[in-house]
Amino acid sequence: MSVAIESHDLSAEQRSRRSGGREARRAMRAAPLADDIRPIRAGLEGGRFKALGQGDLERIHEAVLTLLETVGFANAIPSCIEALTRVGATYSDDGRIRFPRELVLSTIRNAARNFTLCGQDPKHDMLIQGKRVHYGTAGAAVHLVDVEKREYRESLLQDIYDAARLVDGLDNIHFFQRPMVPRDIPDPLEMDFNTLYACVSGTSKHVGTSFTVRENVAPALQMLYEISGGEENFRARPFVSNSNCFVVPPMKFAEDACGVLEACVEGGIPILLLSAGQAGATAPAAIAGAVVQAVAEVLAGLVYVNALKPGQPAIFGTWPFVSDLRTGAMSGGSAEQALLTSACAQMAQFYDLPGGSAAGMADSKLPDVQSGYEKGITNVMAGLSGLNLVYESAGMHASLLGFCLESLIIDNDMLGQCLRCVRGIEVSDAALSIDTITEVCLNGPGHYLGNEQTLRLMQTEYFYPAVADRFSPKEWIEKGKPDLLGKAVAEKKRVLAERFPRHVPKATDDKLRALFGELIKLPRSGMGG
C-alpha cells in the first residue's frame, strides 16, 4: 500500500513539474521581445500572391491611359482647372478635363515614393516602400457595436478616443485612421476638429483623418502645429495624413474634397488619394473594369496633387468596393473584394507607387464566425499581395456601418496571423535542419521537444495570439470554458479603465483648450483627467 501511495505521489509531483514547466514556457512566450527578433512586425515584405499576371497589368495600364485621355474628369473647381491645365491637361467645351498620356506617365515617374508616414512617437514611423505591409483602421461608421447587448447604437466622440487608445497598445495594428463619425457632434467644423483631437490624443501612431470643407483645415493645422512645437516641426514630421475622397465615381471631381486637398497640400499634410467606386453601382461590375476605373481616378488625383506641389507625398488609394448584385448592398467581406484589393496592390507596385486599399470590412454584424473568415481571407490576401497600407483591417462590421471595440482586440490576433503568413518561410542551410534531424534521429531522444533549435526558434519563428484559445479541451474546461468574445470584452474594459495616454502633454493640451475654447468637445473626465 505504501509503495502504491509513494508511486502515486511521485506521479503527481511529476505532473506538477510538467504543468509548471508548461506555464513557465507560456510566460516566456508572453514576455515582450526586442523588435529585431519578433516573428512579426510592421513593414514585413509581401507580394507572394499575384491576382494578375504581367500581361494583365499592362492591359489595365493601357486602358487607364485611354480613359484619362479620352473620357477625363467632370466637375473640376476653378483652382483645379488652373493647376491641371498649367501642367498640360486640357479643358474642353464639354466641361471635362482630359489628361494626355505623357502627362500621366511623367507624373508617375516623378511622384513621391519611398517616404515615411510618421507617428507622434518615431517608433511608430512607417516606411512606405516596395511591398512592405502595414495594417490599420479606417472608415466612417455611424454605429458602435455593443456586443454584450447585441445592439447597434450611434457612435460618439468618446468612442473614437476609446478606439484610439485601444489601438495604441495593439502591436499588429500599425496606424489609426478615424473609423467612426461622432454622431453627437452635428456641426461639420466641430466634428472634423474633435475627430482629429480625439485621434491624436488617444494614440501616438500615425493618424488619418478627413475634413468636410476647405475652411475646416486651418484650425486643425493650427492644432497640429501647436502639438508639434511649431509649423516647421510638423512639416518635417507630419504625423497626420488626409484621407481625401477627391473623386465621385465615375470620373467626376468632388468639389468640396478638392478644396480640402488643396488646403492640406499647402499645409504640409500627406494625402491619401481615395477612389471608392462600388462595382456594379458606381464602377463596372466586371472586376477588371472596377480596377481600371479606380486606377484612372487615382492617377488623375496624382496629377492634380503634383500640379499643386511636385513631389508631395501621396498614397495611391484605389479602394473599389463590391456590390451584392442581388440587392445592391455593399459586400466588403466577399471573395471578390479580396481579389479587387489584391489587384489594386499589384497596380501600385506596377507603378512603384505607395499603395493603400481596404480589406477586413466584414459584412457580419458581430464578431462571429462569419466575421472571422471574411476578415481573415481579405486581410491575408491583401498582405500576401504586398499592399503597403491595408485600411479598415480591424474593428469594422456591417459593411462599414458598424465599428466594434472588442473586434479591435480579436482582430489584432487575426492580423498577427496574417503578418506571419506575409513573412513567409525562411529557407537557409540552418532552417533546412539536416544537422538537427541527424542529431535527433541518430543520437537523440527521437523527438524535438527541448532541442536547442526548438527552444531557439519558439519565440522568433512562431506567432502566439494574445486572446485566442489554444487550450486542450481538458484545460479549457478547467479554466471555466472561456470564449473569445468574453475575453475580448474583459480586455477592452481593463484597457479603457487603465490606459489614458498623455501623447499630448498637459501643458500643450491646456494651451489648446485656451486657444480653441468650447470648440474642443471631448471632456477631460473622458480622458482620465
Protein backbone atom coordinates (compact mmCIF):
# COMPACT_ATOMS: atom_id res chain seq x y z
CA MET A 1 0.00 0.00 0.00
CA SER A 2 2.76 2.43 0.94
CA VAL A 3 4.55 1.69 -2.32
CA ALA A 4 1.40 2.49 -4.26
CA ILE A 5 0.92 5.75 -2.36
CA GLU A 6 4.57 6.69 -2.89
CA SER A 7 4.24 5.96 -6.60
CA HIS A 8 1.04 7.98 -6.78
CA ASP A 9 2.67 10.93 -5.00
CA LEU A 10 5.65 10.82 -7.34
CA SER A 11 3.36 10.80 -10.34
CA ALA A 12 1.52 13.85 -9.00
CA GLU A 13 4.82 15.62 -8.40
CA GLN A 14 5.91 14.85 -11.93
CA ARG A 15 2.63 16.15 -13.27
CA SER A 16 3.06 19.32 -11.25
CA ARG A 17 6.56 19.81 -12.63
CA ARG A 18 5.31 19.28 -16.15
CA SER A 19 2.47 21.74 -15.55
CA GLY A 20 4.87 24.25 -14.03
CA GLY A 21 7.20 23.88 -17.00
CA ARG A 22 4.34 24.43 -19.40
CA GLU A 23 3.24 27.57 -17.56
CA ALA A 24 6.83 28.82 -17.49
CA ARG A 25 7.11 28.35 -21.23
CA ARG A 26 3.84 30.23 -21.72
CA ALA A 27 5.11 33.06 -19.53
CA MET A 28 8.33 33.20 -21.55
CA ARG A 29 6.35 33.40 -24.78
CA ALA A 30 4.23 36.18 -23.33
CA ALA A 31 7.26 38.31 -22.46
CA PRO A 32 7.89 41.17 -24.90
CA LEU A 33 10.60 40.62 -27.50
CA ALA A 34 13.00 43.10 -28.99
CA ASP A 35 11.72 44.39 -32.32
CA ASP A 36 14.56 42.87 -34.33
CA ILE A 37 13.77 39.30 -33.23
CA ARG A 38 9.98 39.40 -33.14
CA PRO A 39 8.36 36.87 -35.51
CA ILE A 40 6.12 39.62 -36.92
CA ARG A 41 6.35 43.39 -37.11
CA ALA A 42 5.27 46.36 -39.19
CA GLY A 43 6.66 46.57 -42.69
CA LEU A 44 7.17 42.88 -43.45
CA GLU A 45 7.66 42.26 -47.17
CA GLY A 46 4.69 40.71 -49.01
CA GLY A 47 4.00 40.17 -52.68
CA ARG A 48 3.98 36.37 -52.97
CA PHE A 49 0.36 36.27 -54.14
CA LYS A 50 -0.47 37.77 -57.53
CA ALA A 51 -4.07 38.01 -58.68
CA LEU A 52 -2.93 39.46 -62.02
CA GLY A 53 -0.28 38.34 -64.48
CA GLN A 54 2.19 40.75 -66.07
CA GLY A 55 0.15 40.90 -69.27
CA ASP A 56 -2.98 41.72 -67.24
CA LEU A 57 -1.21 44.61 -65.53
CA GLU A 58 -0.09 46.06 -68.84
CA ARG A 59 -3.57 45.79 -70.34
CA ILE A 60 -5.10 47.54 -67.34
CA HIS A 61 -2.46 50.27 -67.59
CA GLU A 62 -3.21 50.84 -71.28
CA ALA A 63 -6.96 51.01 -70.58
CA VAL A 64 -6.31 53.55 -67.83
CA LEU A 65 -4.29 55.83 -70.12
CA THR A 66 -7.00 55.59 -72.78
CA LEU A 67 -9.76 56.59 -70.31
CA LEU A 68 -7.80 59.53 -68.93
CA GLU A 69 -7.02 60.80 -72.41
CA THR A 70 -10.48 60.32 -73.95
CA VAL A 71 -13.05 60.46 -71.11
CA GLY A 72 -11.36 62.57 -68.48
CA PHE A 73 -13.00 64.17 -65.43
CA ALA A 74 -16.02 66.40 -64.91
CA ASN A 75 -16.85 68.96 -62.19
CA ALA A 76 -13.40 70.45 -61.61
CA ILE A 77 -13.34 73.59 -59.46
CA PRO A 78 -11.60 76.67 -60.96
CA SER A 79 -8.39 76.25 -58.96
CA CYS A 80 -8.21 72.60 -60.05
CA ILE A 81 -8.69 73.57 -63.70
CA GLU A 82 -5.95 76.20 -63.40
CA ALA A 83 -3.48 73.80 -61.78
CA LEU A 84 -4.09 70.93 -64.21
CA THR A 85 -4.10 72.96 -67.42
CA ARG A 86 -0.91 74.65 -66.28
CA VAL A 87 0.90 71.30 -66.36
CA GLY A 88 -0.58 70.13 -69.66
CA ALA A 89 -4.10 68.78 -69.11
CA THR A 90 -6.81 70.05 -71.44
CA TYR A 91 -10.16 71.57 -70.52
CA SER A 92 -12.79 71.04 -73.21
CA ASP A 93 -16.10 72.64 -74.10
CA ASP A 94 -17.96 69.69 -72.58
CA GLY A 95 -16.61 70.70 -69.16
CA ARG A 96 -14.26 67.75 -68.81
CA ILE A 97 -10.53 67.78 -68.07
CA ARG A 98 -8.51 65.26 -70.05
CA PHE A 99 -5.02 64.00 -69.35
CA PRO A 100 -2.53 63.37 -72.17
CA ARG A 101 -0.72 60.12 -71.55
CA GLU A 102 2.73 61.69 -71.40
CA LEU A 103 1.48 63.99 -68.60
CA VAL A 104 0.29 60.95 -66.65
CA LEU A 105 3.48 58.98 -67.29
CA SER A 106 5.78 61.85 -66.35
CA THR A 107 3.78 62.41 -63.16
CA ILE A 108 4.20 58.75 -62.23
CA ARG A 109 7.93 58.92 -62.90
CA ASN A 110 8.41 62.00 -60.71
CA ALA A 111 5.90 61.28 -57.93
CA ALA A 112 7.00 60.87 -54.32
CA ARG A 113 7.81 57.30 -53.30
CA ASN A 114 9.68 55.54 -50.50
CA PHE A 115 8.56 58.11 -47.95
CA THR A 116 7.77 57.75 -44.25
CA LEU A 117 4.38 58.19 -42.63
CA CYS A 118 5.37 59.42 -39.20
CA GLY A 119 3.91 58.70 -35.81
CA GLN A 120 3.91 61.19 -32.98
CA ASP A 121 6.35 58.70 -31.49
CA PRO A 122 9.09 57.85 -34.01
CA LYS A 123 8.94 54.17 -33.02
CA HIS A 124 5.66 54.04 -34.97
CA ASP A 125 7.10 55.54 -38.18
CA MET A 126 6.17 53.53 -41.29
CA LEU A 127 8.42 53.44 -44.34
CA ILE A 128 6.04 53.14 -47.29
CA GLN A 129 8.17 51.36 -49.82
CA GLY A 130 8.08 48.41 -52.21
CA LYS A 131 5.90 45.64 -50.84
CA ARG A 132 6.20 46.48 -47.14
CA VAL A 133 2.88 45.74 -45.41
CA HIS A 134 1.12 47.71 -42.66
CA TYR A 135 -2.36 47.14 -41.24
CA GLY A 136 -4.61 49.84 -39.78
CA THR A 137 -8.13 51.11 -39.23
CA ALA A 138 -10.31 53.46 -41.27
CA GLY A 139 -13.93 54.15 -42.09
CA ALA A 140 -16.86 56.36 -41.29
CA ALA A 141 -19.11 54.01 -39.33
CA VAL A 142 -22.17 55.67 -37.83
CA HIS A 143 -22.75 52.95 -35.23
CA LEU A 144 -20.83 51.30 -32.42
CA VAL A 145 -21.44 47.58 -31.95
CA ASP A 146 -22.43 46.74 -28.37
CA VAL A 147 -21.58 43.05 -28.28
CA GLU A 148 -22.90 42.45 -24.77
CA LYS A 149 -26.36 43.73 -25.68
CA ARG A 150 -26.10 42.58 -29.32
CA GLU A 151 -27.21 46.07 -30.33
CA TYR A 152 -26.05 48.93 -32.54
CA ARG A 153 -26.06 52.48 -31.17
CA GLU A 154 -24.89 55.76 -32.66
CA SER A 155 -21.13 56.27 -32.45
CA LEU A 156 -19.87 59.09 -30.23
CA LEU A 157 -16.74 61.20 -29.93
CA GLN A 158 -15.75 59.26 -26.80
CA ASP A 159 -15.86 56.05 -28.86
CA ILE A 160 -13.27 57.45 -31.28
CA TYR A 161 -10.95 58.33 -28.40
CA ASP A 162 -11.53 54.91 -26.83
CA ALA A 163 -10.75 53.17 -30.13
CA ALA A 164 -7.55 55.22 -30.47
CA ARG A 165 -6.27 54.29 -27.03
CA LEU A 166 -7.07 50.63 -27.61
CA VAL A 167 -5.15 50.68 -30.90
CA ASP A 168 -2.28 52.46 -29.17
CA GLY A 169 -1.48 49.23 -27.33
CA LEU A 170 -2.19 46.70 -30.10
CA ASP A 171 1.06 45.75 -31.83
CA ASN A 172 -0.40 44.40 -35.06
CA ILE A 173 -2.49 47.49 -35.86
CA HIS A 174 0.13 49.88 -37.15
CA PHE A 175 -1.80 53.08 -37.82
CA PHE A 176 -5.10 54.64 -36.78
CA GLN A 177 -7.36 56.29 -39.30
CA ARG A 178 -10.63 57.65 -37.98
CA PRO A 179 -13.03 54.64 -38.02
CA MET A 180 -16.25 56.30 -36.86
CA VAL A 181 -18.22 59.52 -37.17
CA PRO A 182 -19.10 61.28 -33.89
CA ARG A 183 -22.87 61.42 -34.20
CA ASP A 184 -23.11 63.57 -31.07
CA ILE A 185 -21.38 66.46 -32.91
CA PRO A 186 -23.52 67.53 -35.88
CA ASP A 187 -21.64 70.72 -36.78
CA PRO A 188 -19.10 69.86 -39.55
CA LEU A 189 -16.32 72.11 -38.22
CA GLU A 190 -16.69 70.80 -34.67
CA MET A 191 -16.91 67.23 -35.97
CA ASP A 192 -13.73 67.48 -38.07
CA PHE A 193 -11.72 69.24 -35.37
CA ASN A 194 -12.78 66.99 -32.50
CA THR A 195 -12.34 63.80 -34.50
CA LEU A 196 -8.70 64.74 -35.09
CA TYR A 197 -8.24 65.88 -31.49
CA ALA A 198 -9.57 62.56 -30.16
CA CYS A 199 -7.32 60.57 -32.50
CA VAL A 200 -4.04 62.33 -31.74
CA SER A 201 -4.85 62.37 -28.03
CA GLY A 202 -5.51 58.63 -27.97
CA THR A 203 -2.59 57.23 -29.94
CA SER A 204 0.96 58.11 -30.90
CA LYS A 205 0.69 56.02 -34.09
CA HIS A 206 0.19 57.69 -37.46
CA VAL A 207 -3.33 59.14 -37.74
CA GLY A 208 -5.53 59.51 -40.80
CA THR A 209 -8.44 61.92 -40.82
CA SER A 210 -10.72 63.81 -43.19
CA PHE A 211 -12.31 67.23 -43.46
CA THR A 212 -15.70 68.26 -44.77
CA VAL A 213 -14.74 71.57 -46.41
CA ARG A 214 -11.58 73.60 -47.06
CA GLU A 215 -12.27 76.06 -44.23
CA ASN A 216 -12.11 73.27 -41.62
CA VAL A 217 -8.46 72.53 -42.37
CA ALA A 218 -7.00 75.76 -40.94
CA PRO A 219 -7.92 75.24 -37.26
CA ALA A 220 -6.81 71.60 -37.49
CA LEU A 221 -3.43 72.69 -38.84
CA GLN A 222 -3.12 75.24 -36.06
CA MET A 223 -3.72 72.47 -33.53
CA LEU A 224 -1.20 70.14 -35.19
CA TYR A 225 1.44 72.87 -35.34
CA GLU A 226 0.94 73.53 -31.63
CA ILE A 227 1.28 69.85 -30.75
CA SER A 228 4.44 69.61 -32.88
CA GLY A 229 6.03 72.66 -31.31
CA GLY A 230 5.77 74.73 -34.47
CA GLU A 231 4.80 74.57 -38.13
CA GLU A 232 8.33 73.71 -39.25
CA ASN A 233 8.41 70.71 -36.92
CA PHE A 234 5.12 69.37 -38.24
CA ARG A 235 6.18 69.79 -41.86
CA ALA A 236 9.35 67.86 -41.09
CA ARG A 237 7.41 65.03 -39.39
CA PRO A 238 3.73 65.14 -40.36
CA PHE A 239 2.08 62.50 -38.15
CA VAL A 240 -1.37 63.02 -39.70
CA SER A 241 -2.48 62.30 -43.27
CA ASN A 242 -5.64 63.40 -45.03
CA SER A 243 -7.98 60.73 -46.36
CA ASN A 244 -9.36 62.58 -49.35
CA CYS A 245 -12.29 61.37 -51.47
CA PHE A 246 -11.49 63.87 -54.23
CA VAL A 247 -13.43 61.84 -56.80
CA VAL A 248 -17.11 60.99 -57.12
CA PRO A 249 -17.12 57.79 -59.19
CA PRO A 250 -17.42 57.51 -62.06
CA MET A 251 -14.80 60.07 -63.17
CA LYS A 252 -16.04 63.29 -61.55
CA PHE A 253 -14.23 65.58 -59.13
CA ALA A 254 -15.76 66.11 -55.67
CA GLU A 255 -15.80 69.88 -55.32
CA ASP A 256 -15.58 70.23 -51.52
CA ALA A 257 -12.95 67.48 -51.22
CA CYS A 258 -10.81 69.18 -53.89
CA GLY A 259 -10.77 72.33 -51.79
CA VAL A 260 -9.71 70.25 -48.78
CA LEU A 261 -6.98 68.58 -50.83
CA GLU A 262 -5.53 71.94 -51.85
CA ALA A 263 -5.55 73.21 -48.26
CA CYS A 264 -3.88 70.05 -46.94
CA VAL A 265 -1.16 70.10 -49.59
CA GLU A 266 -0.48 73.74 -48.74
CA GLY A 267 -0.40 72.91 -45.02
CA GLY A 268 2.08 70.04 -45.33
CA ILE A 269 -0.25 67.07 -44.80
CA PRO A 270 0.33 63.86 -46.82
CA ILE A 271 -2.66 62.87 -48.96
CA LEU A 272 -4.43 59.54 -49.31
CA LEU A 273 -5.93 59.84 -52.80
CA LEU A 274 -9.09 57.83 -52.29
CA SER A 275 -11.29 56.42 -55.05
CA ALA A 276 -14.16 54.34 -53.65
CA GLY A 277 -16.35 53.19 -56.51
CA GLN A 278 -18.72 50.29 -55.92
CA ALA A 279 -18.63 47.55 -58.53
CA GLY A 280 -21.99 47.22 -60.21
CA ALA A 281 -23.17 50.62 -58.95
CA THR A 282 -20.64 53.45 -59.38
CA ALA A 283 -17.98 51.27 -61.03
CA PRO A 284 -18.20 48.48 -63.63
CA ALA A 285 -19.48 45.12 -62.41
CA ALA A 286 -16.52 43.44 -64.13
CA ILE A 287 -13.75 43.15 -61.54
CA ALA A 288 -11.08 44.16 -64.08
CA GLY A 289 -13.19 47.15 -65.11
CA ALA A 290 -13.58 48.26 -61.49
CA VAL A 291 -9.79 48.16 -61.14
CA VAL A 292 -9.33 50.15 -64.37
CA GLN A 293 -11.69 52.90 -63.22
CA ALA A 294 -10.16 53.11 -59.73
CA VAL A 295 -6.62 53.33 -61.10
CA ALA A 296 -7.64 56.00 -63.64
CA GLU A 297 -9.33 58.06 -60.94
CA VAL A 298 -6.39 57.90 -58.55
CA LEU A 299 -3.84 58.71 -61.24
CA ALA A 300 -5.88 61.80 -62.11
CA GLY A 301 -5.61 62.77 -58.45
CA LEU A 302 -1.88 62.14 -58.52
CA VAL A 303 -1.50 64.55 -61.44
CA TYR A 304 -3.60 67.08 -59.51
CA VAL A 305 -1.52 66.83 -56.33
CA ASN A 306 1.79 67.08 -58.20
CA ALA A 307 0.49 70.05 -60.18
CA LEU A 308 -0.08 71.79 -56.86
CA LYS A 309 3.24 70.71 -55.33
CA PRO A 310 5.65 68.45 -57.20
CA GLY A 311 6.80 65.56 -55.03
CA GLN A 312 4.03 65.95 -52.45
CA PRO A 313 3.66 62.65 -50.50
CA ALA A 314 0.51 60.97 -51.81
CA ILE A 315 -0.81 57.43 -51.41
CA PHE A 316 -2.24 55.53 -54.37
CA GLY A 317 -5.58 54.86 -52.66
CA THR A 318 -7.53 52.60 -55.00
CA TRP A 319 -10.49 51.38 -52.91
CA PRO A 320 -13.02 49.78 -55.26
CA PHE A 321 -15.80 48.12 -53.28
CA VAL A 322 -18.12 45.24 -54.18
CA SER A 323 -21.89 45.10 -54.51
CA ASP A 324 -24.03 42.07 -53.86
CA LEU A 325 -25.70 42.32 -57.26
CA ARG A 326 -28.85 40.61 -55.98
CA THR A 327 -29.61 43.52 -53.66
CA GLY A 328 -27.15 46.33 -54.47
CA ALA A 329 -25.84 46.23 -50.91
CA MET A 330 -22.12 46.55 -50.30
CA SER A 331 -20.28 43.28 -49.71
CA GLY A 332 -16.97 44.17 -48.09
CA GLY A 333 -16.26 40.68 -46.80
CA SER A 334 -16.57 38.93 -50.13
CA ALA A 335 -14.03 36.96 -52.13
CA GLU A 336 -14.48 39.48 -54.93
CA GLN A 337 -13.42 42.25 -52.53
CA ALA A 338 -10.29 40.28 -51.67
CA LEU A 339 -9.44 39.96 -55.35
CA LEU A 340 -10.09 43.65 -56.04
CA THR A 341 -7.83 44.72 -53.19
CA SER A 342 -5.08 42.34 -54.27
CA ALA A 343 -5.26 43.59 -57.85
CA CYS A 344 -5.02 47.19 -56.66
CA ALA A 345 -1.92 46.32 -54.63
CA GLN A 346 -0.32 44.95 -57.80
CA MET A 347 -1.17 48.08 -59.76
CA ALA A 348 0.53 50.24 -57.12
CA GLN A 349 3.62 48.04 -57.45
CA PHE A 350 3.39 48.22 -61.25
CA TYR A 351 3.83 51.99 -60.94
CA ASP A 352 6.17 51.72 -57.92
CA LEU A 353 3.81 53.99 -56.01
CA PRO A 354 2.93 53.76 -52.31
CA GLY A 355 -0.36 51.86 -52.27
CA GLY A 356 -3.29 51.77 -49.87
CA SER A 357 -6.55 49.86 -50.19
CA ALA A 358 -9.23 48.31 -48.00
CA ALA A 359 -9.70 44.84 -46.50
CA GLY A 360 -11.26 43.38 -43.39
CA MET A 361 -14.66 45.03 -43.93
CA ALA A 362 -16.82 42.24 -42.57
CA ASP A 363 -20.45 42.11 -43.67
CA SER A 364 -21.20 40.27 -40.43
CA LYS A 365 -22.88 42.41 -37.78
CA LEU A 366 -20.99 40.90 -34.84
CA PRO A 367 -17.53 39.43 -34.16
CA ASP A 368 -18.61 35.90 -35.02
CA VAL A 369 -17.50 33.07 -37.30
CA GLN A 370 -18.61 34.95 -40.43
CA SER A 371 -16.64 37.99 -39.33
CA GLY A 372 -13.58 35.84 -38.75
CA TYR A 373 -13.50 34.23 -42.15
CA GLU A 374 -14.38 37.42 -44.00
CA LYS A 375 -11.68 39.45 -42.27
CA GLY A 376 -9.09 36.69 -42.32
CA ILE A 377 -9.41 35.95 -46.04
CA THR A 378 -9.46 39.56 -47.24
CA ASN A 379 -6.67 40.73 -44.90
CA VAL A 380 -4.28 37.88 -45.58
CA MET A 381 -4.72 38.24 -49.34
CA ALA A 382 -4.01 41.97 -49.09
CA GLY A 383 -0.87 41.27 -47.10
CA LEU A 384 0.32 38.46 -49.35
CA SER A 385 -0.15 40.85 -52.30
CA GLY A 386 2.28 43.30 -50.71
CA LEU A 387 -0.19 46.13 -50.13
CA ASN A 388 1.64 48.89 -48.24
CA LEU A 389 -1.32 50.18 -46.23
CA VAL A 390 -4.28 47.92 -45.50
CA TYR A 391 -7.07 50.21 -44.35
CA GLU A 392 -10.21 49.16 -42.44
CA SER A 393 -8.48 45.92 -41.50
CA ALA A 394 -9.67 45.82 -37.87
CA GLY A 395 -12.86 46.52 -35.96
CA MET A 396 -15.25 47.03 -38.86
CA HIS A 397 -18.65 45.34 -39.30
CA ALA A 398 -21.87 45.60 -41.29
CA SER A 399 -20.08 46.64 -44.49
CA LEU A 400 -18.62 49.78 -42.87
CA LEU A 401 -21.76 50.78 -40.94
CA GLY A 402 -20.69 49.44 -37.53
CA PHE A 403 -17.45 49.52 -35.55
CA CYS A 404 -16.65 47.24 -32.61
CA LEU A 405 -14.08 47.90 -29.90
CA GLU A 406 -13.91 44.24 -28.90
CA SER A 407 -13.16 43.35 -32.51
CA LEU A 408 -10.03 45.51 -32.37
CA ILE A 409 -8.67 43.15 -29.73
CA ILE A 410 -9.73 39.99 -31.59
CA ASP A 411 -8.57 41.34 -34.95
CA ASN A 412 -5.16 42.20 -33.51
CA ASP A 413 -4.64 38.44 -33.10
CA MET A 414 -6.01 37.79 -36.59
CA LEU A 415 -3.66 40.36 -38.11
CA GLY A 416 -0.77 38.71 -36.31
CA GLN A 417 -1.62 35.51 -38.14
CA CYS A 418 -1.83 37.46 -41.42
CA LEU A 419 1.56 39.04 -40.83
CA ARG A 420 3.10 35.65 -40.12
CA CYS A 421 1.80 34.49 -43.50
CA VAL A 422 3.22 37.64 -45.10
CA ARG A 423 6.63 36.91 -43.60
CA GLY A 424 6.68 33.52 -45.29
CA ILE A 425 9.18 30.69 -44.84
CA GLU A 426 12.91 31.16 -44.45
CA VAL A 427 14.89 28.56 -46.39
CA SER A 428 18.53 28.60 -45.29
CA ASP A 429 21.11 25.93 -44.51
CA ALA A 430 20.23 26.20 -40.82
CA ALA A 431 16.48 26.17 -41.50
CA LEU A 432 16.74 23.03 -43.66
CA SER A 433 17.73 21.35 -40.38
CA ILE A 434 19.87 18.48 -41.71
CA ASP A 435 22.17 18.53 -38.66
CA THR A 436 19.24 18.82 -36.25
CA ILE A 437 17.34 15.93 -37.85
CA THR A 438 20.51 13.82 -37.88
CA GLU A 439 21.23 14.51 -34.22
CA VAL A 440 17.68 13.74 -33.06
CA CYS A 441 17.33 10.58 -35.13
CA LEU A 442 20.79 9.04 -34.57
CA ASN A 443 21.93 10.30 -31.18
CA GLY A 444 18.92 11.91 -29.53
CA PRO A 445 15.57 11.03 -27.98
CA GLY A 446 13.70 10.72 -31.28
CA HIS A 447 11.75 13.96 -30.83
CA TYR A 448 12.48 17.68 -30.98
CA LEU A 449 10.98 18.73 -27.63
CA GLY A 450 13.69 20.51 -25.71
CA ASN A 451 16.00 20.54 -28.71
CA GLU A 452 18.27 23.58 -28.93
CA GLN A 453 16.78 24.59 -32.27
CA THR A 454 13.23 24.29 -30.93
CA LEU A 455 13.99 26.43 -27.90
CA ARG A 456 15.82 29.00 -30.01
CA LEU A 457 13.07 29.37 -32.59
CA MET A 458 9.98 29.12 -30.41
CA GLN A 459 9.82 32.89 -29.96
CA THR A 460 11.41 34.20 -33.14
CA GLU A 461 9.75 31.87 -35.68
CA TYR A 462 6.27 31.42 -34.21
CA PHE A 463 3.43 33.86 -33.53
CA TYR A 464 1.35 33.40 -30.38
CA PRO A 465 -2.08 35.08 -30.16
CA ALA A 466 -2.96 37.16 -27.12
CA VAL A 467 -6.63 36.23 -26.63
CA ALA A 468 -7.34 33.32 -28.99
CA ASP A 469 -7.86 29.90 -27.39
CA ARG A 470 -5.26 27.16 -27.91
CA PHE A 471 -6.03 25.17 -24.77
CA SER A 472 -6.69 21.45 -24.89
CA PRO A 473 -10.33 20.53 -24.16
CA LYS A 474 -9.28 19.46 -20.67
CA GLU A 475 -7.50 22.74 -19.93
CA TRP A 476 -10.39 24.68 -21.44
CA ILE A 477 -12.84 23.00 -19.06
CA GLU A 478 -10.53 23.53 -16.09
CA LYS A 479 -10.32 27.25 -16.89
CA GLY A 480 -14.10 27.65 -16.93
CA LYS A 481 -14.72 27.21 -20.68
CA PRO A 482 -13.64 30.73 -21.70
CA ASP A 483 -14.84 32.06 -25.04
CA LEU A 484 -13.06 34.51 -27.30
CA LEU A 485 -15.65 37.27 -27.16
CA GLY A 486 -15.86 37.16 -23.37
CA LYS A 487 -12.09 37.51 -23.14
CA ALA A 488 -12.17 40.45 -25.56
CA VAL A 489 -14.90 42.19 -23.53
CA ALA A 490 -12.85 41.80 -20.35
CA GLU A 491 -9.66 43.03 -22.02
CA LYS A 492 -11.45 46.05 -23.51
CA LYS A 493 -12.81 47.03 -20.09
CA ARG A 494 -9.40 46.59 -18.47
CA VAL A 495 -7.58 48.74 -21.04
CA LEU A 496 -10.18 51.51 -21.06
CA ALA A 497 -10.13 51.66 -17.26
CA GLU A 498 -6.34 51.86 -17.08
CA ARG A 499 -4.89 53.34 -20.27
CA PHE A 500 -5.14 57.12 -20.53
CA PRO A 501 -2.15 58.08 -22.69
CA ARG A 502 -0.67 61.55 -22.50
CA HIS A 503 0.64 61.84 -26.03
CA VAL A 504 -0.34 65.50 -25.97
CA PRO A 505 1.36 66.85 -22.83
CA LYS A 506 -0.92 68.51 -20.31
CA ALA A 507 0.68 71.93 -20.82
CA THR A 508 0.07 71.69 -24.56
CA ASP A 509 -3.46 70.46 -24.01
CA ASP A 510 -4.11 73.36 -21.64
CA LYS A 511 -2.91 75.73 -24.35
CA LEU A 512 -5.15 74.07 -26.97
CA ARG A 513 -8.17 74.36 -24.71
CA ALA A 514 -7.37 78.02 -24.08
CA LEU A 515 -6.90 78.69 -27.81
CA PHE A 516 -9.96 76.86 -29.06
CA GLY A 517 -12.27 77.21 -26.08
CA GLU A 518 -15.58 75.45 -26.46
CA LEU A 519 -14.61 74.06 -29.87
CA ILE A 520 -12.98 71.11 -28.01
CA LYS A 521 -15.83 68.82 -27.01
CA LEU A 522 -14.01 65.83 -25.50
CA PRO A 523 -14.20 66.42 -21.74
CA ARG A 524 -11.16 65.84 -19.58
CA SER A 525 -13.25 63.46 -17.50
CA GLY A 526 -13.47 61.15 -20.51
CA MET A 527 -9.68 61.24 -20.83
CA GLY A 528 -8.95 60.13 -17.28
CA GLY A 529 -8.47 63.66 -16.02
